[in-house]
């Protein structure tokens, strides 16, 4: 599976309170959450993001509170992938659980710029910056994570397994 889109670039230590501010946690509804995604760090994100766009960030993306609302808000915004130098462990797991693809690749996180058009192949882990022509190698998703993503997250994956 491949995704491609325009890059939204963020720095290190983007915490869950910036991804979805606590004042908006009055609902777990993805439609509500996407309306406020990233607004404390990027007030134009909501108007500029398009389905398929990709976030690229530095180290420790998703640190802070362990709320699942953060990856839900990003996914509901239409983001098809987050690439970061590394992720806070609980965010990493929450992203998989909700079916939001993530790739760790420090070199890509450093070299890809805001607004670049990139493509990522989940089967090979190859990330291509179509703007600059550079390619980067991330670790490809294991088969079980690809199956979770294809099912829309852990709940869908579990439900499908119970039907078999």
N, C-alpha and C. Protein backbone atom coordinates (compact mmCIF):
# COMPACT_ATOMS: atom_id res chain seq x y z
N UNK A 1 0.84 -1.18 0.00
CA UNK A 1 0.00 0.00 0.00
C UNK A 1 0.89 1.24 0.00
N UNK A 2 0.51 2.22 -0.79
CA UNK A 2 1.23 3.49 -0.87
C UNK A 2 0.29 4.65 -0.54
N UNK A 3 0.87 5.69 0.02
CA UNK A 3 0.15 6.94 0.22
C UNK A 3 1.02 8.07 -0.31
N UNK A 4 0.40 9.15 -0.70
CA UNK A 4 1.15 10.33 -1.11
C UNK A 4 0.37 11.57 -0.72
N UNK A 5 1.10 12.63 -0.45
CA UNK A 5 0.45 13.87 -0.07
C UNK A 5 1.44 14.98 0.21
N UNK A 6 0.89 16.12 0.55
CA UNK A 6 1.66 17.31 0.87
C UNK A 6 2.05 17.25 2.35
N UNK A 7 3.22 17.79 2.67
CA UNK A 7 3.77 17.70 4.02
C UNK A 7 3.40 18.91 4.88
N UNK A 8 3.00 18.58 6.11
CA UNK A 8 2.91 19.53 7.21
C UNK A 8 4.06 19.19 8.14
N UNK A 9 4.97 20.12 8.38
CA UNK A 9 6.20 19.83 9.12
C UNK A 9 6.16 20.47 10.51
N UNK A 10 6.51 19.66 11.51
CA UNK A 10 6.55 20.12 12.89
C UNK A 10 7.87 19.68 13.52
N UNK A 11 8.20 20.25 14.65
CA UNK A 11 9.49 20.00 15.29
C UNK A 11 9.48 18.85 16.28
N UNK A 12 10.37 18.95 17.25
CA UNK A 12 10.50 17.94 18.30
C UNK A 12 9.47 18.16 19.41
N UNK A 13 9.20 17.08 20.14
CA UNK A 13 8.38 17.12 21.36
C UNK A 13 6.99 17.71 21.16
N UNK A 14 6.36 17.35 20.05
CA UNK A 14 4.97 17.76 19.83
C UNK A 14 4.11 16.88 20.72
N UNK A 15 3.51 17.50 21.74
CA UNK A 15 2.78 16.69 22.72
C UNK A 15 1.29 16.61 22.40
N UNK A 16 0.63 15.70 23.07
CA UNK A 16 -0.78 15.45 22.79
C UNK A 16 -1.65 16.65 23.14
N UNK A 17 -1.20 17.52 24.05
CA UNK A 17 -1.97 18.72 24.37
C UNK A 17 -1.93 19.75 23.25
N UNK A 18 -0.90 19.68 22.40
CA UNK A 18 -0.83 20.54 21.23
C UNK A 18 -1.62 19.92 20.08
N UNK A 19 -1.55 18.60 19.97
CA UNK A 19 -2.26 17.91 18.90
C UNK A 19 -3.77 18.10 19.05
N UNK A 20 -4.28 17.90 20.26
CA UNK A 20 -5.69 18.17 20.55
C UNK A 20 -5.75 18.74 21.96
N UNK A 21 -5.90 20.06 22.08
CA UNK A 21 -5.90 20.70 23.39
C UNK A 21 -6.98 20.11 24.33
N UNK A 22 -6.63 20.00 25.59
CA UNK A 22 -7.50 19.38 26.59
C UNK A 22 -8.87 20.05 26.67
N UNK A 23 -8.96 21.34 26.38
CA UNK A 23 -10.25 22.03 26.46
C UNK A 23 -11.28 21.49 25.46
N UNK A 24 -10.83 20.71 24.48
CA UNK A 24 -11.74 20.15 23.48
C UNK A 24 -12.03 18.67 23.71
N UNK A 25 -11.63 18.15 24.84
CA UNK A 25 -11.86 16.73 25.13
C UNK A 25 -13.22 16.48 25.75
N UNK A 26 -14.17 17.34 25.42
CA UNK A 26 -15.53 17.17 25.90
C UNK A 26 -16.27 16.10 25.11
N UNK A 27 -15.65 15.65 24.03
CA UNK A 27 -16.25 14.62 23.17
C UNK A 27 -15.13 13.80 22.55
N UNK A 28 -15.41 12.52 22.32
CA UNK A 28 -14.46 11.65 21.61
C UNK A 28 -14.84 11.52 20.14
N UNK A 29 -15.84 12.29 19.70
CA UNK A 29 -16.31 12.24 18.32
C UNK A 29 -15.22 12.75 17.38
N UNK A 30 -14.78 11.92 16.42
CA UNK A 30 -13.72 12.35 15.50
C UNK A 30 -14.04 13.64 14.74
N UNK A 31 -15.29 13.88 14.41
CA UNK A 31 -15.67 15.10 13.69
C UNK A 31 -15.40 16.33 14.57
N UNK A 32 -15.71 16.23 15.84
CA UNK A 32 -15.44 17.31 16.79
C UNK A 32 -13.92 17.50 16.95
N UNK A 33 -13.20 16.42 17.12
CA UNK A 33 -11.76 16.50 17.37
C UNK A 33 -11.00 17.10 16.20
N UNK A 34 -11.38 16.74 14.97
CA UNK A 34 -10.64 17.26 13.81
C UNK A 34 -10.78 18.77 13.67
N UNK A 35 -11.85 19.33 14.19
CA UNK A 35 -12.05 20.78 14.12
C UNK A 35 -11.02 21.56 14.93
N UNK A 36 -10.36 20.88 15.87
CA UNK A 36 -9.41 21.55 16.75
C UNK A 36 -8.01 20.95 16.69
N UNK A 37 -7.79 20.03 15.78
CA UNK A 37 -6.50 19.36 15.66
C UNK A 37 -5.41 20.37 15.31
N UNK A 38 -4.34 20.38 16.08
CA UNK A 38 -3.13 21.18 15.87
C UNK A 38 -3.35 22.69 16.02
N UNK A 39 -4.50 23.14 16.47
CA UNK A 39 -4.78 24.58 16.44
C UNK A 39 -3.89 25.40 17.37
N UNK A 40 -3.35 24.80 18.43
CA UNK A 40 -2.49 25.58 19.32
C UNK A 40 -1.07 25.75 18.78
N UNK A 41 -0.72 25.01 17.75
CA UNK A 41 0.62 25.16 17.15
C UNK A 41 0.53 25.64 15.70
N UNK A 42 -0.62 25.43 15.06
CA UNK A 42 -0.79 25.76 13.64
C UNK A 42 -2.25 26.11 13.40
N UNK A 43 -2.59 27.37 13.58
CA UNK A 43 -3.99 27.80 13.49
C UNK A 43 -4.57 27.61 12.08
N UNK A 44 -3.73 27.46 11.08
CA UNK A 44 -4.23 27.30 9.71
C UNK A 44 -4.34 25.83 9.29
N UNK A 45 -3.92 24.90 10.16
CA UNK A 45 -3.93 23.48 9.80
C UNK A 45 -5.30 23.03 9.31
N UNK A 46 -6.33 23.32 10.08
CA UNK A 46 -7.69 22.85 9.75
C UNK A 46 -8.12 23.29 8.35
N UNK A 47 -7.79 24.50 7.96
CA UNK A 47 -8.20 25.01 6.64
C UNK A 47 -7.32 24.47 5.52
N UNK A 48 -6.07 24.16 5.82
CA UNK A 48 -5.12 23.76 4.77
C UNK A 48 -5.04 22.26 4.53
N UNK A 49 -5.30 21.45 5.55
CA UNK A 49 -5.12 20.00 5.41
C UNK A 49 -6.14 19.42 4.43
N UNK A 50 -5.67 18.49 3.64
CA UNK A 50 -6.50 17.80 2.65
C UNK A 50 -6.36 16.30 2.86
N UNK A 51 -7.38 15.54 2.50
CA UNK A 51 -7.26 14.08 2.63
C UNK A 51 -6.01 13.56 1.94
N UNK A 52 -5.26 12.75 2.66
CA UNK A 52 -4.03 12.18 2.12
C UNK A 52 -2.77 12.91 2.52
N UNK A 53 -2.89 14.12 3.05
CA UNK A 53 -1.70 14.86 3.45
C UNK A 53 -0.93 14.09 4.53
N UNK A 54 0.33 14.47 4.71
CA UNK A 54 1.25 13.73 5.56
C UNK A 54 1.91 14.68 6.56
N UNK A 55 1.99 14.25 7.82
CA UNK A 55 2.73 15.01 8.83
C UNK A 55 4.14 14.46 8.93
N UNK A 56 5.10 15.36 9.07
CA UNK A 56 6.48 14.99 9.33
C UNK A 56 6.92 15.77 10.55
N UNK A 57 7.57 15.08 11.49
CA UNK A 57 7.96 15.74 12.74
C UNK A 57 9.30 15.20 13.22
N UNK A 58 9.82 15.86 14.22
CA UNK A 58 11.11 15.48 14.79
C UNK A 58 10.99 14.37 15.81
N UNK A 59 11.72 14.53 16.90
CA UNK A 59 11.81 13.50 17.94
C UNK A 59 10.62 13.59 18.90
N UNK A 60 10.26 12.43 19.45
CA UNK A 60 9.31 12.33 20.56
C UNK A 60 7.91 12.83 20.21
N UNK A 61 7.46 12.60 18.98
CA UNK A 61 6.13 13.04 18.57
C UNK A 61 5.08 12.30 19.40
N UNK A 62 4.10 13.05 19.92
CA UNK A 62 3.00 12.45 20.68
C UNK A 62 3.30 12.25 22.15
N UNK A 63 4.31 12.95 22.67
CA UNK A 63 4.63 12.82 24.09
C UNK A 63 3.51 13.46 24.92
N UNK A 64 3.58 13.29 26.22
CA UNK A 64 2.60 13.90 27.10
C UNK A 64 1.53 12.91 27.51
N UNK A 65 0.32 13.38 27.59
CA UNK A 65 -0.80 12.55 28.04
C UNK A 65 -1.01 11.37 27.12
N UNK A 66 -1.54 10.31 27.66
CA UNK A 66 -1.70 9.07 26.90
C UNK A 66 -3.02 8.99 26.16
N UNK A 67 -3.67 10.10 25.94
CA UNK A 67 -5.00 10.09 25.34
C UNK A 67 -5.01 9.59 23.90
N UNK A 68 -5.97 8.75 23.62
CA UNK A 68 -6.17 8.22 22.27
C UNK A 68 -6.76 9.29 21.35
N UNK A 69 -7.29 10.35 21.92
CA UNK A 69 -7.90 11.42 21.13
C UNK A 69 -6.92 12.03 20.13
N UNK A 70 -5.62 12.06 20.47
CA UNK A 70 -4.65 12.72 19.60
C UNK A 70 -4.54 12.04 18.23
N UNK A 71 -4.27 10.73 18.16
CA UNK A 71 -4.23 10.12 16.83
C UNK A 71 -5.60 10.10 16.15
N UNK A 72 -6.67 10.03 16.92
CA UNK A 72 -8.02 10.08 16.33
C UNK A 72 -8.22 11.42 15.63
N UNK A 73 -7.82 12.52 16.28
CA UNK A 73 -7.98 13.85 15.69
C UNK A 73 -7.18 13.98 14.40
N UNK A 74 -5.95 13.48 14.41
CA UNK A 74 -5.10 13.56 13.21
C UNK A 74 -5.70 12.73 12.07
N UNK A 75 -6.10 11.51 12.38
CA UNK A 75 -6.70 10.65 11.35
C UNK A 75 -7.98 11.26 10.80
N UNK A 76 -8.82 11.80 11.68
CA UNK A 76 -10.08 12.41 11.24
C UNK A 76 -9.84 13.63 10.37
N UNK A 77 -8.70 14.28 10.54
CA UNK A 77 -8.35 15.44 9.71
C UNK A 77 -8.01 15.06 8.28
N UNK A 78 -7.81 13.76 8.04
CA UNK A 78 -7.49 13.30 6.69
C UNK A 78 -6.03 12.94 6.49
N UNK A 79 -5.20 13.11 7.51
CA UNK A 79 -3.78 12.79 7.40
C UNK A 79 -3.64 11.28 7.17
N UNK A 80 -2.86 10.92 6.15
CA UNK A 80 -2.72 9.51 5.79
C UNK A 80 -1.51 8.84 6.42
N UNK A 81 -0.59 9.64 7.00
CA UNK A 81 0.64 9.09 7.54
C UNK A 81 1.34 10.15 8.36
N UNK A 82 2.00 9.70 9.44
CA UNK A 82 2.91 10.56 10.18
C UNK A 82 4.29 9.92 10.10
N UNK A 83 5.26 10.72 9.71
CA UNK A 83 6.66 10.29 9.71
C UNK A 83 7.35 11.13 10.77
N UNK A 84 8.08 10.49 11.67
CA UNK A 84 8.81 11.23 12.70
C UNK A 84 10.16 10.56 12.95
N UNK A 85 11.07 11.32 13.54
CA UNK A 85 12.35 10.74 13.94
C UNK A 85 12.09 9.60 14.91
N UNK A 86 11.18 9.82 15.85
CA UNK A 86 10.68 8.77 16.73
C UNK A 86 9.40 9.26 17.41
N UNK A 87 8.67 8.33 17.98
CA UNK A 87 7.38 8.61 18.61
C UNK A 87 7.43 8.26 20.09
N UNK A 88 6.65 8.99 20.87
CA UNK A 88 6.42 8.56 22.25
C UNK A 88 5.74 7.20 22.16
N UNK A 89 6.17 6.28 22.98
CA UNK A 89 5.70 4.88 22.88
C UNK A 89 4.19 4.75 22.96
N UNK A 90 3.53 5.45 23.87
CA UNK A 90 2.08 5.27 24.00
C UNK A 90 1.36 5.86 22.79
N UNK A 91 1.87 6.96 22.23
CA UNK A 91 1.27 7.50 21.01
C UNK A 91 1.44 6.50 19.87
N UNK A 92 2.61 5.91 19.77
CA UNK A 92 2.88 4.91 18.73
C UNK A 92 1.82 3.82 18.76
N UNK A 93 1.58 3.28 19.95
CA UNK A 93 0.60 2.19 20.09
C UNK A 93 -0.82 2.69 19.84
N UNK A 94 -1.15 3.87 20.36
CA UNK A 94 -2.49 4.42 20.12
C UNK A 94 -2.74 4.66 18.64
N UNK A 95 -1.72 5.12 17.91
CA UNK A 95 -1.87 5.35 16.47
C UNK A 95 -2.20 4.03 15.76
N UNK A 96 -1.47 2.99 16.08
CA UNK A 96 -1.76 1.68 15.49
C UNK A 96 -3.17 1.24 15.86
N UNK A 97 -3.53 1.41 17.12
CA UNK A 97 -4.85 0.97 17.59
C UNK A 97 -5.99 1.64 16.84
N UNK A 98 -5.82 2.91 16.43
CA UNK A 98 -6.89 3.61 15.71
C UNK A 98 -6.71 3.54 14.20
N UNK A 99 -5.64 2.86 13.74
CA UNK A 99 -5.44 2.70 12.30
C UNK A 99 -4.81 3.89 11.62
N UNK A 100 -3.99 4.65 12.36
CA UNK A 100 -3.28 5.79 11.77
C UNK A 100 -1.85 5.36 11.47
N UNK A 101 -1.47 5.26 10.20
CA UNK A 101 -0.12 4.82 9.85
C UNK A 101 0.96 5.79 10.32
N UNK A 102 2.05 5.22 10.84
CA UNK A 102 3.19 5.99 11.31
C UNK A 102 4.46 5.28 10.89
N UNK A 103 5.48 6.06 10.57
CA UNK A 103 6.79 5.51 10.23
C UNK A 103 7.86 6.30 10.96
N UNK A 104 8.83 5.58 11.53
CA UNK A 104 9.98 6.23 12.14
C UNK A 104 11.13 6.26 11.13
N UNK A 105 11.63 7.48 10.87
CA UNK A 105 12.75 7.64 9.94
C UNK A 105 13.42 8.98 10.23
N UNK A 106 14.45 8.96 11.09
CA UNK A 106 15.11 10.22 11.45
C UNK A 106 15.62 11.03 10.26
N UNK A 107 16.19 10.36 9.26
CA UNK A 107 16.73 11.08 8.11
C UNK A 107 15.63 11.79 7.32
N UNK A 108 14.50 11.11 7.09
CA UNK A 108 13.38 11.73 6.39
C UNK A 108 12.83 12.90 7.20
N UNK A 109 12.70 12.69 8.51
CA UNK A 109 12.18 13.75 9.38
C UNK A 109 13.04 15.00 9.33
N UNK A 110 14.33 14.83 9.17
CA UNK A 110 15.25 15.96 9.12
C UNK A 110 15.23 16.65 7.76
N UNK A 111 15.18 15.87 6.68
CA UNK A 111 15.40 16.43 5.34
C UNK A 111 14.14 16.86 4.60
N UNK A 112 13.00 16.28 4.92
CA UNK A 112 11.76 16.65 4.23
C UNK A 112 11.29 18.00 4.76
N UNK A 113 10.80 18.85 3.86
CA UNK A 113 10.39 20.21 4.22
C UNK A 113 8.88 20.40 4.12
N UNK A 114 8.41 21.40 4.83
CA UNK A 114 7.00 21.81 4.77
C UNK A 114 6.62 22.04 3.30
N UNK A 115 5.48 21.49 2.91
CA UNK A 115 4.97 21.70 1.56
C UNK A 115 5.48 20.72 0.52
N UNK A 116 6.51 19.94 0.83
CA UNK A 116 7.00 18.94 -0.13
C UNK A 116 5.90 17.93 -0.41
N UNK A 117 5.95 17.35 -1.59
CA UNK A 117 5.06 16.24 -1.94
C UNK A 117 5.86 14.97 -1.74
N UNK A 118 5.33 14.06 -0.94
CA UNK A 118 6.04 12.81 -0.70
C UNK A 118 5.13 11.61 -0.91
N UNK A 119 5.78 10.48 -1.10
CA UNK A 119 5.08 9.20 -1.26
C UNK A 119 5.75 8.20 -0.32
N UNK A 120 4.95 7.37 0.31
CA UNK A 120 5.50 6.34 1.19
C UNK A 120 4.86 5.00 0.85
N UNK A 121 5.68 3.98 0.81
CA UNK A 121 5.25 2.62 0.53
C UNK A 121 5.34 1.82 1.82
N UNK A 122 4.18 1.41 2.35
CA UNK A 122 4.15 0.69 3.62
C UNK A 122 4.75 -0.71 3.51
N UNK A 123 4.73 -1.28 2.33
CA UNK A 123 5.27 -2.63 2.15
C UNK A 123 6.80 -2.65 2.17
N UNK A 124 7.43 -1.62 1.62
CA UNK A 124 8.89 -1.58 1.55
C UNK A 124 9.52 -0.64 2.57
N UNK A 125 8.73 0.32 3.08
CA UNK A 125 9.26 1.33 3.98
C UNK A 125 9.96 2.47 3.26
N UNK A 126 9.91 2.50 1.94
CA UNK A 126 10.57 3.56 1.17
C UNK A 126 9.71 4.82 1.17
N UNK A 127 10.34 5.91 1.54
CA UNK A 127 9.71 7.23 1.54
C UNK A 127 10.42 8.03 0.46
N UNK A 128 9.66 8.57 -0.49
CA UNK A 128 10.24 9.34 -1.59
C UNK A 128 9.73 10.77 -1.53
N UNK A 129 10.66 11.70 -1.46
CA UNK A 129 10.31 13.12 -1.53
C UNK A 129 10.23 13.46 -3.01
N UNK A 130 9.02 13.56 -3.53
CA UNK A 130 8.84 13.81 -4.96
C UNK A 130 9.27 15.23 -5.34
N UNK A 131 9.37 16.11 -4.36
CA UNK A 131 9.81 17.48 -4.62
C UNK A 131 11.31 17.54 -4.86
N UNK A 132 12.08 16.80 -4.05
CA UNK A 132 13.54 16.86 -4.15
C UNK A 132 14.15 15.66 -4.85
N UNK A 133 13.37 14.57 -4.97
CA UNK A 133 13.89 13.35 -5.58
C UNK A 133 14.62 12.44 -4.61
N UNK A 134 14.77 12.85 -3.36
CA UNK A 134 15.47 12.01 -2.37
C UNK A 134 14.56 10.88 -1.89
N UNK A 135 15.20 9.76 -1.56
CA UNK A 135 14.48 8.62 -0.98
C UNK A 135 15.09 8.26 0.36
N UNK A 136 14.25 7.75 1.25
CA UNK A 136 14.66 7.38 2.60
C UNK A 136 14.08 6.01 2.92
N UNK A 137 14.75 5.30 3.82
CA UNK A 137 14.29 3.96 4.19
C UNK A 137 13.84 3.92 5.64
N UNK A 138 12.57 3.61 5.82
CA UNK A 138 12.01 3.37 7.15
C UNK A 138 11.76 1.87 7.25
N UNK A 139 11.55 1.40 8.44
CA UNK A 139 11.23 0.00 8.62
C UNK A 139 9.80 -0.24 8.13
N UNK A 140 9.63 -1.20 7.24
CA UNK A 140 8.30 -1.52 6.71
C UNK A 140 7.42 -2.08 7.82
N UNK A 141 6.11 -1.91 7.66
CA UNK A 141 5.17 -2.44 8.64
C UNK A 141 5.21 -3.96 8.64
N UNK A 142 5.21 -4.58 9.82
CA UNK A 142 5.03 -6.04 9.86
C UNK A 142 3.63 -6.39 9.37
N UNK A 143 3.45 -7.61 8.94
CA UNK A 143 2.17 -8.04 8.37
C UNK A 143 0.99 -7.79 9.31
N UNK A 144 1.15 -8.07 10.60
CA UNK A 144 0.02 -7.91 11.52
C UNK A 144 -0.38 -6.44 11.65
N UNK A 145 0.59 -5.51 11.58
CA UNK A 145 0.23 -4.09 11.65
C UNK A 145 -0.45 -3.65 10.35
N UNK A 146 0.02 -4.16 9.22
CA UNK A 146 -0.67 -3.87 7.95
C UNK A 146 -2.12 -4.34 8.01
N UNK A 147 -2.35 -5.49 8.63
CA UNK A 147 -3.72 -6.00 8.76
C UNK A 147 -4.57 -5.12 9.69
N UNK A 148 -3.97 -4.63 10.76
CA UNK A 148 -4.69 -3.71 11.66
C UNK A 148 -5.05 -2.44 10.91
N UNK A 149 -4.10 -1.88 10.16
CA UNK A 149 -4.34 -0.65 9.39
C UNK A 149 -5.43 -0.87 8.35
N UNK A 150 -5.37 -2.00 7.66
CA UNK A 150 -6.36 -2.31 6.62
C UNK A 150 -7.76 -2.45 7.20
N UNK A 151 -7.83 -2.81 8.48
CA UNK A 151 -9.12 -2.98 9.16
C UNK A 151 -9.61 -1.68 9.80
N UNK A 152 -8.85 -0.60 9.65
CA UNK A 152 -9.23 0.68 10.23
C UNK A 152 -8.84 0.84 11.68
N UNK A 153 -8.11 -0.13 12.22
CA UNK A 153 -7.67 -0.07 13.61
C UNK A 153 -7.89 -1.39 14.31
N UNK A 154 -7.53 -1.41 15.58
CA UNK A 154 -7.58 -2.64 16.36
C UNK A 154 -9.00 -3.16 16.56
N UNK A 155 -9.97 -2.27 16.74
CA UNK A 155 -11.36 -2.72 16.93
C UNK A 155 -11.86 -3.43 15.68
N UNK A 156 -11.64 -2.83 14.51
CA UNK A 156 -12.06 -3.47 13.26
C UNK A 156 -11.34 -4.78 13.02
N UNK A 157 -10.07 -4.83 13.35
CA UNK A 157 -9.27 -6.04 13.19
C UNK A 157 -9.80 -7.15 14.10
N UNK A 158 -10.11 -6.81 15.33
CA UNK A 158 -10.63 -7.79 16.28
C UNK A 158 -12.01 -8.26 15.86
N UNK A 159 -12.85 -7.34 15.44
CA UNK A 159 -14.20 -7.72 14.98
C UNK A 159 -14.12 -8.67 13.78
N UNK A 160 -13.23 -8.39 12.85
CA UNK A 160 -13.06 -9.26 11.68
C UNK A 160 -12.59 -10.64 12.11
N UNK A 161 -11.69 -10.70 13.08
CA UNK A 161 -11.19 -11.97 13.57
C UNK A 161 -12.26 -12.78 14.28
N UNK A 162 -13.19 -12.12 14.94
CA UNK A 162 -14.27 -12.83 15.64
C UNK A 162 -15.29 -13.42 14.67
N UNK A 163 -15.38 -12.81 13.48
CA UNK A 163 -16.32 -13.32 12.47
C UNK A 163 -15.80 -14.55 11.75
N UNK A 164 -14.47 -14.73 11.78
CA UNK A 164 -13.86 -15.88 11.06
C UNK A 164 -14.09 -17.18 11.77
